[in-house]
Amino acid sequence: MGYSDVSYFCKIFKKHEHKTISQYRDQVINGLVETYETI
């Protein structure tokens, strides 16, 4: 794995980072809501 591979991976990660974080946050919120509803 060369330097160009690393920088390429970083670009892809940066591009998808925001979407992934927002999806993760939505999953956490949905999980909390489901937990709250079952109590």
N, C-alpha and C. Protein backbone atom coordinates (compact mmCIF):
# COMPACT_ATOMS: atom_id res chain seq x y z
N MET A 1 0.84 -1.19 0.00
CA MET A 1 0.00 0.00 0.00
C MET A 1 0.88 1.24 0.00
N GLY A 2 0.83 1.98 -1.08
CA GLY A 2 1.69 3.15 -1.22
C GLY A 2 1.06 4.41 -0.68
N TYR A 3 1.81 5.49 -0.76
CA TYR A 3 1.32 6.78 -0.25
C TYR A 3 0.09 7.23 -1.03
N SER A 4 0.09 6.99 -2.35
CA SER A 4 -1.05 7.42 -3.17
C SER A 4 -2.32 6.67 -2.75
N ASP A 5 -2.18 5.40 -2.38
CA ASP A 5 -3.33 4.63 -1.91
C ASP A 5 -3.90 5.23 -0.64
N VAL A 6 -3.01 5.64 0.26
CA VAL A 6 -3.45 6.22 1.54
C VAL A 6 -4.19 7.53 1.30
N SER A 7 -3.61 8.40 0.47
CA SER A 7 -4.25 9.70 0.22
C SER A 7 -5.58 9.50 -0.51
N TYR A 8 -5.64 8.52 -1.41
CA TYR A 8 -6.88 8.21 -2.12
C TYR A 8 -7.95 7.75 -1.14
N PHE A 9 -7.56 6.87 -0.22
CA PHE A 9 -8.49 6.38 0.80
C PHE A 9 -8.98 7.53 1.67
N CYS A 10 -8.08 8.44 2.03
CA CYS A 10 -8.46 9.59 2.86
C CYS A 10 -9.47 10.46 2.13
N LYS A 11 -9.28 10.66 0.82
CA LYS A 11 -10.23 11.46 0.05
C LYS A 11 -11.61 10.81 0.06
N ILE A 12 -11.65 9.49 -0.16
CA ILE A 12 -12.93 8.78 -0.16
C ILE A 12 -13.57 8.87 1.22
N PHE A 13 -12.77 8.67 2.25
CA PHE A 13 -13.29 8.71 3.62
C PHE A 13 -13.86 10.08 3.93
N LYS A 14 -13.13 11.13 3.56
CA LYS A 14 -13.60 12.50 3.81
C LYS A 14 -14.92 12.75 3.08
N LYS A 15 -15.03 12.20 1.87
CA LYS A 15 -16.22 12.42 1.06
C LYS A 15 -17.44 11.75 1.71
N HIS A 16 -17.23 10.57 2.29
CA HIS A 16 -18.35 9.81 2.85
C HIS A 16 -18.48 9.99 4.36
N GLU A 17 -17.54 10.71 4.97
CA GLU A 17 -17.49 10.83 6.42
C GLU A 17 -18.78 11.44 6.97
N HIS A 18 -19.22 12.54 6.38
CA HIS A 18 -20.38 13.26 6.90
C HIS A 18 -21.63 12.39 6.81
N LYS A 19 -21.79 11.72 5.67
CA LYS A 19 -22.97 10.87 5.47
C LYS A 19 -22.97 9.72 6.48
N THR A 20 -21.79 9.13 6.70
CA THR A 20 -21.69 8.00 7.62
C THR A 20 -22.03 8.45 9.03
N ILE A 21 -21.49 9.61 9.44
CA ILE A 21 -21.73 10.10 10.79
C ILE A 21 -23.21 10.40 10.99
N SER A 22 -23.85 11.01 9.99
CA SER A 22 -25.27 11.34 10.13
C SER A 22 -26.11 10.06 10.16
N GLN A 23 -25.74 9.05 9.36
CA GLN A 23 -26.45 7.78 9.40
C GLN A 23 -26.30 7.14 10.77
N TYR A 24 -25.07 7.17 11.31
CA TYR A 24 -24.82 6.58 12.61
C TYR A 24 -25.63 7.29 13.68
N ARG A 25 -25.68 8.62 13.60
CA ARG A 25 -26.44 9.41 14.57
C ARG A 25 -27.93 9.06 14.49
N ASP A 26 -28.44 8.91 13.26
CA ASP A 26 -29.85 8.54 13.09
C ASP A 26 -30.12 7.17 13.71
N GLN A 27 -29.20 6.22 13.52
CA GLN A 27 -29.37 4.89 14.09
C GLN A 27 -29.40 4.96 15.61
N VAL A 28 -28.53 5.77 16.19
CA VAL A 28 -28.47 5.91 17.65
C VAL A 28 -29.77 6.51 18.16
N ILE A 29 -30.25 7.57 17.48
CA ILE A 29 -31.49 8.23 17.90
C ILE A 29 -32.66 7.26 17.77
N ASN A 30 -32.73 6.53 16.66
CA ASN A 30 -33.80 5.55 16.48
C ASN A 30 -33.74 4.48 17.55
N GLY A 31 -32.53 4.04 17.90
CA GLY A 31 -32.36 3.04 18.94
C GLY A 31 -32.85 3.56 20.28
N LEU A 32 -32.54 4.82 20.59
CA LEU A 32 -32.98 5.41 21.86
C LEU A 32 -34.50 5.52 21.89
N VAL A 33 -35.09 5.92 20.77
CA VAL A 33 -36.55 6.05 20.70
C VAL A 33 -37.21 4.70 20.92
N GLU A 34 -36.69 3.66 20.25
CA GLU A 34 -37.26 2.32 20.40
C GLU A 34 -37.14 1.85 21.84
N THR A 35 -35.99 2.10 22.45
CA THR A 35 -35.78 1.70 23.84
C THR A 35 -36.75 2.43 24.75
N TYR A 36 -36.94 3.72 24.49
CA TYR A 36 -37.83 4.53 25.32
C TYR A 36 -39.28 4.06 25.17
N GLU A 37 -39.66 3.66 23.96
CA GLU A 37 -41.04 3.23 23.72
C GLU A 37 -41.34 1.90 24.39
N THR A 38 -40.35 1.02 24.50
CA THR A 38 -40.59 -0.29 25.09
C THR A 38 -40.65 -0.22 26.61
N ILE A 39 -40.10 0.81 27.20
CA ILE A 39 -40.11 0.94 28.67
C ILE A 39 -41.51 1.26 29.15
